[in-house]
Structure formats: structure tokens, C-alpha cells
Amino acid sequence: MSFWLFKSEPNVISFQSLWDKLPADEEWHGIRNYQARNNMRLMQVGERGFFYHSNIGKEIVGIVEVTRPSAPDSRTDDPRWDCVHFRPVARFLRPVGLEECKHTRGLEQMVLINNSRLSVQPVRDAEWQILCALGGVQA
């Protein structure tokens, strides 16, 4: 099982807005970066990812779970773009900010730190464990 990180500006899609839609899931549409798209194509139903508020907050605030595998993005006719569906499964008790990530041992190689613009990115198992602990949720 792989772990992921999804980034969104909270004024566009916030973790709270996802939480308010439960039990419905959300199509993670609009991704127009090949590397991010390819990451979504690798995802399996049941895999989990961190939800990161970018630009405003710059912090991991919760965990989402993939509910449907990669399929064509319903918001475009362009066959190059896919997306997954996910739903929130846990809120962080304490958000973990980007600056804290940069100064936490074991996160030095994290994609979030080294390629912060990528909107859908992999997370290593050890990074998952560290961040769950920092956020106060069970890994």
C-alpha cells in the first residue's frame, strides 16, 4: 500500500468542505500536471493520503482515502487528464506546517520539501508514520 499527499488551496477546496460532504466522496479534478496525473494513475482504492492546505496555511490538516481509481477527469474532454475520488477519514488534532516539516528529522527527503509545487505526490512509509505522530492521529 502506498501513501500520498494532495494539495489544495483552502479557499478553493478545504478539508472542512470535504468533511461537510460526508459520506460523499470528491472527484480530485483539475490536475493538469503530468507527474501528478501519473501519481494518481498509480493509486489503488483504500490507499490514504495527507490533505495539505497550500498557499493559505501551508499545513497538513487531515487524511483522505482513495475511493475510486484513476479515471478520465469529468471536467474536460481532453483524454490526457485523469483523476481519482477520495473522502476524508481523519482530522489532524494538530496541523503540521511546512516549516515544521522542513525541520523534522526523517522528513529531509520528503517531496513536499523538495518539490513543493507538485499537487499530488508520494509519501514514504517512514514519513507517513512521523507525520501521523506529529498530527496526533493513528498511522
N, C-alpha and C. Protein backbone atom coordinates (compact mmCIF):
# COMPACT_ATOMS: atom_id res chain seq x y z
N MET A 1 0.84 -1.17 0.00
CA MET A 1 0.00 0.00 0.00
C MET A 1 0.89 1.24 0.00
N SER A 2 0.52 2.21 -0.82
CA SER A 2 1.27 3.46 -0.92
C SER A 2 0.54 4.58 -0.21
N PHE A 3 1.29 5.61 0.13
CA PHE A 3 0.73 6.81 0.76
C PHE A 3 0.99 8.01 -0.15
N TRP A 4 0.15 9.03 0.00
CA TRP A 4 0.17 10.18 -0.91
C TRP A 4 -0.03 11.47 -0.14
N LEU A 5 0.12 12.58 -0.84
CA LEU A 5 -0.22 13.89 -0.32
C LEU A 5 -0.93 14.66 -1.42
N PHE A 6 -2.08 15.22 -1.09
CA PHE A 6 -2.88 16.03 -2.02
C PHE A 6 -2.85 17.47 -1.53
N LYS A 7 -2.61 18.40 -2.45
CA LYS A 7 -2.54 19.81 -2.08
C LYS A 7 -3.72 20.57 -2.66
N SER A 8 -4.27 21.48 -1.85
CA SER A 8 -5.34 22.35 -2.31
C SER A 8 -5.28 23.66 -1.56
N GLU A 9 -5.58 24.72 -2.24
CA GLU A 9 -5.74 26.00 -1.56
C GLU A 9 -7.06 25.92 -0.79
N PRO A 10 -7.04 26.22 0.50
CA PRO A 10 -8.26 26.04 1.30
C PRO A 10 -9.41 26.94 0.90
N ASN A 11 -9.13 28.03 0.18
CA ASN A 11 -10.23 28.87 -0.30
C ASN A 11 -10.84 28.31 -1.58
N VAL A 12 -10.23 27.26 -2.16
CA VAL A 12 -10.79 26.57 -3.32
C VAL A 12 -11.50 25.30 -2.85
N ILE A 13 -10.75 24.38 -2.25
CA ILE A 13 -11.32 23.18 -1.60
C ILE A 13 -10.59 23.01 -0.28
N SER A 14 -11.31 23.09 0.79
CA SER A 14 -10.70 22.92 2.11
C SER A 14 -11.03 21.53 2.64
N PHE A 15 -10.27 21.10 3.62
CA PHE A 15 -10.55 19.82 4.26
C PHE A 15 -11.94 19.86 4.90
N GLN A 16 -12.28 20.98 5.50
CA GLN A 16 -13.60 21.11 6.12
C GLN A 16 -14.71 20.96 5.10
N SER A 17 -14.54 21.52 3.91
CA SER A 17 -15.58 21.39 2.89
C SER A 17 -15.76 19.93 2.48
N LEU A 18 -14.68 19.16 2.45
CA LEU A 18 -14.78 17.73 2.17
C LEU A 18 -15.51 17.02 3.30
N TRP A 19 -15.14 17.38 4.53
CA TRP A 19 -15.75 16.76 5.72
C TRP A 19 -17.27 17.01 5.73
N ASP A 20 -17.65 18.21 5.35
CA ASP A 20 -19.08 18.58 5.35
C ASP A 20 -19.89 17.79 4.32
N LYS A 21 -19.24 17.21 3.32
CA LYS A 21 -19.93 16.44 2.27
C LYS A 21 -20.07 14.96 2.60
N LEU A 22 -19.44 14.50 3.68
CA LEU A 22 -19.52 13.08 4.03
C LEU A 22 -20.97 12.63 4.11
N PRO A 23 -21.29 11.43 3.67
CA PRO A 23 -20.39 10.35 3.26
C PRO A 23 -19.96 10.39 1.80
N ALA A 24 -20.33 11.42 1.07
CA ALA A 24 -19.95 11.51 -0.35
C ALA A 24 -18.44 11.65 -0.50
N ASP A 25 -17.96 11.16 -1.64
CA ASP A 25 -16.55 11.35 -1.94
C ASP A 25 -16.41 12.53 -2.90
N GLU A 26 -15.18 12.86 -3.25
CA GLU A 26 -14.90 14.03 -4.08
C GLU A 26 -14.02 13.61 -5.26
N GLU A 27 -14.38 14.06 -6.44
CA GLU A 27 -13.52 13.85 -7.61
C GLU A 27 -12.39 14.87 -7.53
N TRP A 28 -11.15 14.40 -7.57
CA TRP A 28 -9.99 15.30 -7.47
C TRP A 28 -9.63 15.76 -8.88
N HIS A 29 -10.50 16.59 -9.43
CA HIS A 29 -10.41 17.04 -10.82
C HIS A 29 -9.51 18.26 -10.96
N GLY A 30 -9.19 18.58 -12.19
CA GLY A 30 -8.48 19.81 -12.50
C GLY A 30 -6.97 19.72 -12.43
N ILE A 31 -6.41 18.56 -12.19
CA ILE A 31 -4.95 18.42 -12.13
C ILE A 31 -4.43 18.42 -13.56
N ARG A 32 -3.53 19.34 -13.86
CA ARG A 32 -3.00 19.47 -15.21
C ARG A 32 -1.47 19.45 -15.19
N ASN A 33 -0.95 18.48 -14.49
CA ASN A 33 0.49 18.25 -14.42
C ASN A 33 0.69 16.76 -14.65
N TYR A 34 1.56 16.41 -15.58
CA TYR A 34 1.74 15.01 -15.94
C TYR A 34 2.24 14.15 -14.79
N GLN A 35 3.17 14.66 -14.01
CA GLN A 35 3.69 13.88 -12.89
C GLN A 35 2.60 13.63 -11.85
N ALA A 36 1.80 14.65 -11.53
CA ALA A 36 0.70 14.48 -10.59
C ALA A 36 -0.33 13.50 -11.15
N ARG A 37 -0.65 13.62 -12.44
CA ARG A 37 -1.59 12.68 -13.07
C ARG A 37 -1.06 11.26 -13.00
N ASN A 38 0.23 11.08 -13.28
CA ASN A 38 0.81 9.74 -13.25
C ASN A 38 0.77 9.17 -11.83
N ASN A 39 0.95 10.02 -10.82
CA ASN A 39 0.83 9.55 -9.43
C ASN A 39 -0.58 9.05 -9.17
N MET A 40 -1.58 9.77 -9.66
CA MET A 40 -2.97 9.31 -9.45
C MET A 40 -3.24 8.00 -10.17
N ARG A 41 -2.62 7.80 -11.32
CA ARG A 41 -2.80 6.55 -12.05
C ARG A 41 -2.24 5.35 -11.29
N LEU A 42 -1.32 5.59 -10.38
CA LEU A 42 -0.74 4.52 -9.57
C LEU A 42 -1.58 4.17 -8.35
N MET A 43 -2.50 5.03 -7.97
CA MET A 43 -3.26 4.86 -6.73
C MET A 43 -4.25 3.71 -6.80
N GLN A 44 -4.41 3.06 -5.65
CA GLN A 44 -5.37 1.97 -5.51
C GLN A 44 -6.45 2.38 -4.50
N VAL A 45 -7.64 1.86 -4.69
CA VAL A 45 -8.72 2.11 -3.75
C VAL A 45 -8.27 1.67 -2.35
N GLY A 46 -8.52 2.51 -1.36
CA GLY A 46 -8.15 2.21 0.01
C GLY A 46 -6.85 2.85 0.45
N GLU A 47 -6.04 3.29 -0.51
CA GLU A 47 -4.80 3.97 -0.12
C GLU A 47 -5.14 5.33 0.47
N ARG A 48 -4.25 5.79 1.33
CA ARG A 48 -4.51 7.04 2.04
C ARG A 48 -3.51 8.12 1.70
N GLY A 49 -3.94 9.35 1.90
CA GLY A 49 -3.07 10.48 1.63
C GLY A 49 -3.33 11.60 2.61
N PHE A 50 -2.31 12.41 2.79
CA PHE A 50 -2.47 13.62 3.60
C PHE A 50 -3.18 14.67 2.76
N PHE A 51 -3.96 15.52 3.43
CA PHE A 51 -4.58 16.67 2.77
C PHE A 51 -3.84 17.91 3.26
N TYR A 52 -3.25 18.63 2.33
CA TYR A 52 -2.38 19.76 2.63
C TYR A 52 -3.01 21.05 2.13
N HIS A 53 -3.17 22.02 3.01
CA HIS A 53 -3.64 23.35 2.61
C HIS A 53 -2.44 24.15 2.12
N SER A 54 -2.43 24.45 0.83
CA SER A 54 -1.31 25.20 0.25
C SER A 54 -1.63 26.69 0.22
N ASN A 55 -0.61 27.47 0.07
CA ASN A 55 -0.68 28.94 -0.01
C ASN A 55 -1.23 29.59 1.26
N ILE A 56 -2.43 29.22 1.67
CA ILE A 56 -3.01 29.75 2.90
C ILE A 56 -2.87 28.67 3.96
N GLY A 57 -2.03 28.87 4.92
CA GLY A 57 -1.82 27.88 5.97
C GLY A 57 -0.57 27.07 5.80
N LYS A 58 -0.37 26.52 4.60
CA LYS A 58 0.77 25.66 4.32
C LYS A 58 0.95 24.61 5.40
N GLU A 59 -0.10 23.75 5.53
CA GLU A 59 -0.06 22.75 6.60
C GLU A 59 -0.88 21.53 6.23
N ILE A 60 -0.45 20.39 6.76
CA ILE A 60 -1.20 19.14 6.63
C ILE A 60 -2.28 19.17 7.70
N VAL A 61 -3.53 18.96 7.26
CA VAL A 61 -4.65 19.10 8.19
C VAL A 61 -5.48 17.84 8.38
N GLY A 62 -5.26 16.83 7.53
CA GLY A 62 -6.06 15.62 7.67
C GLY A 62 -5.63 14.52 6.73
N ILE A 63 -6.41 13.45 6.76
CA ILE A 63 -6.13 12.27 5.95
C ILE A 63 -7.36 11.96 5.11
N VAL A 64 -7.11 11.63 3.84
CA VAL A 64 -8.16 11.20 2.92
C VAL A 64 -7.86 9.79 2.45
N GLU A 65 -8.91 9.12 1.95
CA GLU A 65 -8.77 7.75 1.44
C GLU A 65 -9.29 7.70 0.02
N VAL A 66 -8.54 7.05 -0.87
CA VAL A 66 -8.96 6.90 -2.26
C VAL A 66 -10.16 5.96 -2.31
N THR A 67 -11.24 6.42 -2.95
CA THR A 67 -12.48 5.63 -3.02
C THR A 67 -12.75 5.08 -4.42
N ARG A 68 -12.13 5.68 -5.44
CA ARG A 68 -12.29 5.20 -6.82
C ARG A 68 -10.95 5.37 -7.53
N PRO A 69 -10.58 4.41 -8.36
CA PRO A 69 -9.29 4.51 -9.04
C PRO A 69 -9.29 5.59 -10.11
N SER A 70 -8.13 5.86 -10.62
CA SER A 70 -7.95 6.86 -11.65
C SER A 70 -8.85 6.58 -12.85
N ALA A 71 -9.50 7.63 -13.34
CA ALA A 71 -10.40 7.55 -14.48
C ALA A 71 -10.40 8.93 -15.14
N PRO A 72 -10.94 9.04 -16.35
CA PRO A 72 -10.95 10.35 -17.00
C PRO A 72 -11.58 11.44 -16.14
N ASP A 73 -10.97 12.60 -16.14
CA ASP A 73 -11.46 13.77 -15.42
C ASP A 73 -12.76 14.22 -16.08
N SER A 74 -13.84 14.26 -15.32
CA SER A 74 -15.15 14.60 -15.88
C SER A 74 -15.28 16.05 -16.30
N ARG A 75 -14.32 16.87 -15.92
CA ARG A 75 -14.42 18.31 -16.22
C ARG A 75 -13.69 18.71 -17.50
N THR A 76 -13.21 17.71 -18.26
CA THR A 76 -12.55 18.04 -19.52
C THR A 76 -12.80 16.93 -20.53
N ASP A 77 -12.77 17.29 -21.80
CA ASP A 77 -12.87 16.30 -22.87
C ASP A 77 -11.49 15.84 -23.32
N ASP A 78 -10.45 16.43 -22.76
CA ASP A 78 -9.08 16.09 -23.11
C ASP A 78 -8.72 14.74 -22.49
N PRO A 79 -8.45 13.72 -23.29
CA PRO A 79 -8.21 12.38 -22.76
C PRO A 79 -6.90 12.22 -21.98
N ARG A 80 -6.07 13.24 -21.96
CA ARG A 80 -4.80 13.14 -21.23
C ARG A 80 -4.98 13.21 -19.72
N TRP A 81 -6.11 13.74 -19.23
CA TRP A 81 -6.23 14.05 -17.81
C TRP A 81 -7.16 13.10 -17.07
N ASP A 82 -6.64 12.56 -16.01
CA ASP A 82 -7.35 11.61 -15.14
C ASP A 82 -7.47 12.20 -13.74
N CYS A 83 -8.25 11.51 -12.93
CA CYS A 83 -8.33 11.88 -11.52
C CYS A 83 -8.85 10.70 -10.71
N VAL A 84 -8.66 10.76 -9.43
CA VAL A 84 -9.20 9.78 -8.50
C VAL A 84 -10.32 10.45 -7.71
N HIS A 85 -11.05 9.66 -6.95
CA HIS A 85 -12.01 10.17 -5.98
C HIS A 85 -11.48 9.81 -4.61
N PHE A 86 -11.75 10.66 -3.64
CA PHE A 86 -11.39 10.34 -2.26
C PHE A 86 -12.37 10.98 -1.31
N ARG A 87 -12.25 10.58 -0.03
CA ARG A 87 -13.08 11.18 1.02
C ARG A 87 -12.21 11.32 2.26
N PRO A 88 -12.55 12.28 3.11
CA PRO A 88 -11.77 12.46 4.34
C PRO A 88 -12.07 11.34 5.34
N VAL A 89 -11.04 10.93 6.07
CA VAL A 89 -11.23 9.87 7.07
C VAL A 89 -10.74 10.27 8.46
N ALA A 90 -9.89 11.28 8.55
CA ALA A 90 -9.39 11.71 9.88
C ALA A 90 -8.89 13.14 9.81
N ARG A 91 -9.20 13.88 10.85
CA ARG A 91 -8.66 15.24 11.01
C ARG A 91 -7.39 15.15 11.85
N PHE A 92 -6.42 15.95 11.52
CA PHE A 92 -5.25 16.07 12.39
C PHE A 92 -5.69 16.82 13.65
N LEU A 93 -5.27 16.34 14.79
CA LEU A 93 -5.55 17.04 16.04
C LEU A 93 -4.75 18.33 16.11
N ARG A 94 -3.60 18.30 15.44
CA ARG A 94 -2.73 19.46 15.38
C ARG A 94 -2.17 19.55 13.96
N PRO A 95 -2.53 20.59 13.19
CA PRO A 95 -1.96 20.72 11.85
C PRO A 95 -0.44 20.76 11.90
N VAL A 96 0.18 20.21 10.86
CA VAL A 96 1.63 20.18 10.76
C VAL A 96 2.04 21.06 9.60
N GLY A 97 2.70 22.17 9.91
CA GLY A 97 3.08 23.15 8.90
C GLY A 97 4.32 22.78 8.12
N LEU A 98 4.47 23.42 6.98
CA LEU A 98 5.61 23.20 6.10
C LEU A 98 6.93 23.49 6.82
N GLU A 99 6.99 24.56 7.57
CA GLU A 99 8.23 24.89 8.27
C GLU A 99 8.61 23.82 9.28
N GLU A 100 7.62 23.26 9.97
CA GLU A 100 7.90 22.17 10.91
C GLU A 100 8.41 20.95 10.15
N CYS A 101 7.82 20.65 9.01
CA CYS A 101 8.29 19.53 8.19
C CYS A 101 9.75 19.71 7.80
N LYS A 102 10.09 20.93 7.42
CA LYS A 102 11.47 21.21 6.99
C LYS A 102 12.48 21.00 8.11
N HIS A 103 12.05 21.07 9.35
CA HIS A 103 12.96 20.96 10.49
C HIS A 103 12.77 19.66 11.29
N THR A 104 12.05 18.71 10.73
CA THR A 104 11.80 17.44 11.42
C THR A 104 12.68 16.35 10.84
N ARG A 105 13.43 15.73 11.73
CA ARG A 105 14.31 14.64 11.31
C ARG A 105 13.48 13.52 10.70
N GLY A 106 13.95 13.00 9.58
CA GLY A 106 13.26 11.94 8.87
C GLY A 106 12.41 12.43 7.71
N LEU A 107 12.22 13.75 7.61
CA LEU A 107 11.42 14.31 6.52
C LEU A 107 12.29 15.06 5.50
N GLU A 108 13.60 14.97 5.64
CA GLU A 108 14.50 15.74 4.78
C GLU A 108 14.32 15.45 3.29
N GLN A 109 13.96 14.23 2.95
CA GLN A 109 13.82 13.84 1.54
C GLN A 109 12.37 13.90 1.05
N MET A 110 11.47 14.37 1.87
CA MET A 110 10.06 14.40 1.51
C MET A 110 9.84 15.28 0.27
N VAL A 111 9.00 14.80 -0.64
CA VAL A 111 8.70 15.54 -1.86
C VAL A 111 8.15 16.92 -1.53
N LEU A 112 7.32 17.03 -0.51
CA LEU A 112 6.74 18.31 -0.12
C LEU A 112 7.82 19.36 0.12
N ILE A 113 8.93 18.95 0.66
CA ILE A 113 10.02 19.88 0.97
C ILE A 113 10.87 20.17 -0.26
N ASN A 114 11.04 19.17 -1.11
CA ASN A 114 11.96 19.29 -2.24
C ASN A 114 11.30 19.62 -3.57
N ASN A 115 10.00 19.48 -3.66
CA ASN A 115 9.26 19.81 -4.88
C ASN A 115 7.87 20.29 -4.46
N SER A 116 7.85 21.40 -3.78
CA SER A 116 6.62 21.85 -3.12
C SER A 116 5.50 22.23 -4.08
N ARG A 117 5.77 22.36 -5.37
CA ARG A 117 4.72 22.76 -6.30
C ARG A 117 3.90 21.58 -6.81
N LEU A 118 4.38 20.36 -6.65
CA LEU A 118 3.66 19.19 -7.15
C LEU A 118 2.40 18.95 -6.33
N SER A 119 1.24 18.93 -6.99
CA SER A 119 -0.04 18.91 -6.27
C SER A 119 -0.48 17.53 -5.80
N VAL A 120 0.07 16.48 -6.37
CA VAL A 120 -0.22 15.11 -5.93
C VAL A 120 1.12 14.40 -5.88
N GLN A 121 1.51 13.97 -4.69
CA GLN A 121 2.86 13.44 -4.53
C GLN A 121 2.90 12.23 -3.62
N PRO A 122 3.90 11.37 -3.84
CA PRO A 122 4.04 10.20 -2.98
C PRO A 122 4.62 10.58 -1.62
N VAL A 123 4.31 9.76 -0.62
CA VAL A 123 4.84 9.92 0.74
C VAL A 123 5.42 8.56 1.14
N ARG A 124 6.64 8.56 1.62
CA ARG A 124 7.27 7.30 2.06
C ARG A 124 6.63 6.82 3.37
N ASP A 125 6.71 5.51 3.60
CA ASP A 125 6.12 4.91 4.80
C ASP A 125 6.62 5.59 6.08
N ALA A 126 7.94 5.80 6.18
CA ALA A 126 8.50 6.42 7.40
C ALA A 126 7.99 7.85 7.56
N GLU A 127 7.85 8.58 6.45
CA GLU A 127 7.32 9.94 6.52
C GLU A 127 5.88 9.92 7.00
N TRP A 128 5.11 8.94 6.53
CA TRP A 128 3.71 8.80 6.95
C TRP A 128 3.64 8.64 8.46
N GLN A 129 4.47 7.75 8.99
CA GLN A 129 4.48 7.48 10.44
C GLN A 129 4.84 8.74 11.23
N ILE A 130 5.86 9.43 10.80
CA ILE A 130 6.31 10.65 11.51
C ILE A 130 5.21 11.70 11.49
N LEU A 131 4.61 11.94 10.33
CA LEU A 131 3.60 12.99 10.22
C LEU A 131 2.31 12.65 10.96
N CYS A 132 1.91 11.40 10.95
CA CYS A 132 0.73 11.00 11.71
C CYS A 132 0.97 11.27 13.20
N ALA A 133 2.16 10.92 13.68
CA ALA A 133 2.50 11.15 15.08
C ALA A 133 2.47 12.65 15.39
N LEU A 134 3.05 13.46 14.54
CA LEU A 134 3.05 14.91 14.77
C LEU A 134 1.64 15.48 14.75
N GLY A 135 0.78 14.92 13.89
CA GLY A 135 -0.59 15.41 13.78
C GLY A 135 -1.54 14.84 14.80
N GLY A 136 -1.07 13.87 15.60
CA GLY A 136 -1.89 13.32 16.66
C GLY A 136 -2.93 12.32 16.19
N VAL A 137 -2.65 11.63 15.06
CA VAL A 137 -3.58 10.61 14.59
C VAL A 137 -2.86 9.28 14.49
N GLN A 138 -3.63 8.21 14.53
CA GLN A 138 -3.06 6.87 14.42
C GLN A 138 -2.67 6.60 12.97
N ALA A 139 -1.47 6.11 12.78
CA ALA A 139 -0.96 5.84 11.42
C ALA A 139 -1.68 4.68 10.76
